[in-house]
Amino acid sequence: MTTNNPSSSPLYRNLAVAGALFFCFAFVLVHIVRDDLSLLHRTLSIYAVGPAGWVLTLGFFSIAGTQMLVAFRLYQRRRSVGDVLTVAVLMVAAIGIVLVAIFPYQIRLPHNAGAALQLGLFPIFLLLRALLHRNEPLWTFTLVCALLSTALFLLLVWNGQTDYDLGSVGMAQKSQIIVNTLWLVVFSWRLPNA
């Protein structure tokens, strides 16, 4: 039996994977081009201003698109109220990235709000996903990513908001983004059919 559901087609999956991979490309490119910025100390969104910044801005939009595609697919497969909550958390996190893309880091309030939504809600999304879907093939991977993402977010908050700054705010943030993006690439590639 065939389905007319576009989210069950390979094109849908390929778009989700392509969005995540383009973000990875943009992430690497801006770090090569902007070797004047400290990899350890500078957060990612600072790279969106200046040379090749437009590529990273497109990368932000593409990873937000990937999150929205994944959220849409998960919404279609929902089985409980918890699944709807999980999808809502992922969608709000994606909106956070859109805010970061639209408002450069100099426009502090919307930019920081967007970053907080993405960085704070994505670990919650992963934890909810791991708690609600223990029988899925990617459960262990999701749980490991959830724990790493949560730990890195807590390190980011601790380093950025205390007198004990280890000077690694940028690396904590970028490491969390890498973990989150890795989960999106793998899950998008394995995006379940209808």
Protein backbone atom coordinates (compact mmCIF):
# COMPACT_ATOMS: atom_id res chain seq x y z
CA MET A 1 0.00 0.00 0.00
CA THR A 2 1.43 3.38 -0.97
CA THR A 3 0.94 6.56 0.94
CA ASN A 4 0.60 10.13 -0.27
CA ASN A 5 2.14 11.39 2.94
CA PRO A 6 5.11 13.58 1.90
CA SER A 7 6.90 13.03 5.21
CA SER A 8 7.24 9.33 4.49
CA SER A 9 9.14 9.96 1.25
CA PRO A 10 12.92 9.88 0.93
CA LEU A 11 12.79 13.53 -0.18
CA TYR A 12 11.46 14.56 3.23
CA ARG A 13 14.22 12.65 5.00
CA ASN A 14 16.84 13.97 2.59
CA LEU A 15 15.76 17.57 3.21
CA ALA A 16 16.09 17.08 6.96
CA VAL A 17 19.56 15.53 6.58
CA ALA A 18 20.66 18.19 4.07
CA GLY A 19 19.63 20.98 6.43
CA ALA A 20 21.66 19.50 9.27
CA LEU A 21 24.68 18.81 7.05
CA PHE A 22 24.60 22.34 5.62
CA PHE A 23 24.71 23.67 9.16
CA CYS A 24 27.76 21.45 9.84
CA PHE A 25 29.42 22.86 6.70
CA ALA A 26 28.66 26.43 7.78
CA PHE A 27 29.93 25.71 11.30
CA VAL A 28 33.28 24.45 10.00
CA LEU A 29 33.64 27.12 7.31
CA VAL A 30 33.22 30.09 9.64
CA HIS A 31 35.81 28.65 12.01
CA ILE A 32 38.28 28.38 9.13
CA VAL A 33 37.53 31.85 7.76
CA ARG A 34 37.41 33.57 11.16
CA ASP A 35 40.69 32.35 12.61
CA ASP A 36 40.97 35.77 14.28
CA LEU A 37 38.32 34.70 16.82
CA SER A 38 39.12 32.45 19.75
CA LEU A 39 37.68 28.98 19.25
CA LEU A 40 37.67 28.45 23.01
CA HIS A 41 36.18 31.74 24.17
CA ARG A 42 33.83 32.95 21.40
CA THR A 43 30.30 31.64 21.11
CA LEU A 44 29.08 30.53 17.70
CA SER A 45 26.72 33.39 16.91
CA ILE A 46 29.60 35.91 17.01
CA TYR A 47 30.88 34.22 13.84
CA ALA A 48 27.65 35.19 12.03
CA VAL A 49 28.86 38.80 11.87
CA GLY A 50 31.73 39.47 9.52
CA PRO A 51 33.38 37.40 6.79
CA ALA A 52 31.29 34.36 5.81
CA GLY A 53 28.74 35.32 8.46
CA TRP A 54 25.95 35.03 5.93
CA VAL A 55 26.84 31.36 5.44
CA LEU A 56 26.41 30.72 9.16
CA THR A 57 23.15 32.67 9.15
CA LEU A 58 21.89 30.38 6.36
CA GLY A 59 23.17 27.48 8.46
CA PHE A 60 21.06 28.65 11.39
CA PHE A 61 17.99 28.74 9.16
CA SER A 62 18.80 25.29 7.75
CA ILE A 63 19.20 23.63 11.16
CA ALA A 64 15.98 25.29 12.32
CA GLY A 65 14.33 23.81 9.22
CA THR A 66 15.69 20.38 10.11
CA GLN A 67 14.29 20.68 13.62
CA MET A 68 10.90 21.71 12.25
CA LEU A 69 10.86 18.78 9.80
CA VAL A 70 11.74 16.36 12.61
CA ALA A 71 9.11 17.93 14.87
CA PHE A 72 6.48 17.62 12.14
CA ARG A 73 7.36 13.95 11.62
CA LEU A 74 7.28 13.25 15.36
CA TYR A 75 3.92 15.00 15.62
CA GLN A 76 2.55 12.68 12.95
CA ARG A 77 3.77 9.69 14.97
CA ARG A 78 2.54 10.97 18.34
CA ARG A 79 1.04 8.40 20.70
CA SER A 80 0.54 10.39 23.87
CA VAL A 81 0.28 13.84 25.39
CA GLY A 82 3.96 13.48 26.25
CA ASP A 83 4.74 13.18 22.54
CA VAL A 84 2.87 16.42 21.83
CA LEU A 85 4.83 18.15 24.61
CA THR A 86 8.08 16.82 23.16
CA VAL A 87 7.21 18.17 19.72
CA ALA A 88 6.24 21.55 21.20
CA VAL A 89 9.60 21.80 23.01
CA LEU A 90 11.48 21.02 19.78
CA MET A 91 9.44 23.57 17.80
CA VAL A 92 10.09 26.33 20.35
CA ALA A 93 13.81 25.44 20.30
CA ALA A 94 13.73 25.77 16.50
CA ILE A 95 12.07 29.17 16.82
CA GLY A 96 14.98 30.09 19.09
CA ILE A 97 17.43 29.40 16.27
CA VAL A 98 15.36 31.51 13.91
CA LEU A 99 15.62 34.40 16.38
CA VAL A 100 19.40 33.93 16.54
CA ALA A 101 19.55 33.96 12.73
CA ILE A 102 17.41 37.08 12.36
CA PHE A 103 18.91 39.12 15.19
CA PRO A 104 22.73 39.30 15.31
CA TYR A 105 24.37 39.07 18.71
CA GLN A 106 24.58 42.87 19.00
CA ILE A 107 20.76 42.99 19.28
CA ARG A 108 20.90 41.41 22.71
CA LEU A 109 17.35 40.75 23.88
CA PRO A 110 15.90 38.77 20.95
CA HIS A 111 19.26 37.18 20.20
CA ASN A 112 19.87 36.00 23.76
CA ALA A 113 16.25 34.88 24.13
CA GLY A 114 16.61 32.79 20.97
CA ALA A 115 19.91 31.29 22.13
CA ALA A 116 18.43 30.48 25.54
CA LEU A 117 15.42 28.79 23.95
CA GLN A 118 17.58 26.64 21.68
CA LEU A 119 20.34 25.77 24.12
CA GLY A 120 18.02 25.28 27.09
CA LEU A 121 15.15 23.44 25.40
CA PHE A 122 17.02 21.02 23.13
CA PRO A 123 18.39 18.98 26.07
CA ILE A 124 14.86 18.88 27.53
CA PHE A 125 13.57 17.65 24.17
CA LEU A 126 16.19 14.89 24.11
CA LEU A 127 15.48 13.86 27.71
CA LEU A 128 11.73 13.71 27.02
CA ARG A 129 12.36 11.71 23.86
CA ALA A 130 14.55 9.25 25.75
CA LEU A 131 12.06 8.88 28.61
CA LEU A 132 9.03 8.36 26.38
CA HIS A 133 10.51 6.06 23.73
CA ARG A 134 12.65 3.43 25.44
CA ASN A 135 11.90 0.76 22.82
CA GLU A 136 13.21 2.67 19.81
CA PRO A 137 16.39 1.56 18.03
CA LEU A 138 18.07 4.92 18.70
CA TRP A 139 17.14 5.00 22.40
CA THR A 140 20.69 4.56 23.75
CA PHE A 141 22.05 7.12 21.31
CA THR A 142 19.29 9.58 22.26
CA LEU A 143 19.91 9.05 25.98
CA VAL A 144 23.67 9.60 25.63
CA CYS A 145 23.09 12.76 23.57
CA ALA A 146 20.49 13.95 26.11
CA LEU A 147 22.90 13.51 29.03
CA LEU A 148 25.81 15.11 27.18
CA SER A 149 23.69 18.02 25.96
CA THR A 150 22.34 18.61 29.47
CA ALA A 151 25.79 18.44 31.07
CA LEU A 152 27.25 20.84 28.49
CA PHE A 153 24.35 23.26 28.95
CA LEU A 154 24.89 23.24 32.72
CA LEU A 155 28.61 23.82 32.19
CA LEU A 156 27.79 26.69 29.85
CA VAL A 157 25.48 28.31 32.39
CA TRP A 158 27.94 27.75 35.24
CA ASN A 159 30.89 29.17 33.28
CA GLY A 160 28.94 32.13 32.02
CA GLN A 161 27.22 33.13 35.24
CA THR A 162 29.75 32.62 38.03
CA ASP A 163 33.07 34.00 39.18
CA TYR A 164 34.59 30.61 38.37
CA ASP A 165 34.60 31.11 34.61
CA LEU A 166 37.01 28.56 33.20
CA GLY A 167 37.24 30.55 29.99
CA SER A 168 35.43 27.84 28.10
CA VAL A 169 31.98 29.35 27.56
CA GLY A 170 32.47 29.22 23.80
CA MET A 171 33.64 25.60 23.82
CA ALA A 172 30.82 24.48 26.12
CA GLN A 173 28.27 26.11 23.83
CA LYS A 174 29.84 24.77 20.64
CA SER A 175 30.19 21.28 22.12
CA GLN A 176 26.52 21.26 23.03
CA ILE A 177 25.62 22.43 19.52
CA ILE A 178 27.75 19.63 18.04
CA VAL A 179 26.00 17.00 20.21
CA ASN A 180 22.56 18.36 19.31
CA THR A 181 23.42 18.51 15.61
CA LEU A 182 24.84 14.99 15.66
CA TRP A 183 21.54 13.73 17.07
CA LEU A 184 19.62 15.61 14.37
CA VAL A 185 21.80 14.19 11.57
CA VAL A 186 21.47 10.60 12.80
CA PHE A 187 17.77 10.83 13.63
CA SER A 188 16.97 12.61 10.36
CA TRP A 189 18.80 9.90 8.42
CA ARG A 190 16.80 7.25 10.28
CA LEU A 191 13.58 9.29 10.08
CA PRO A 192 10.81 6.74 10.49
CA ASN A 193 8.31 6.20 7.70
CA ALA A 194 4.59 6.61 8.23
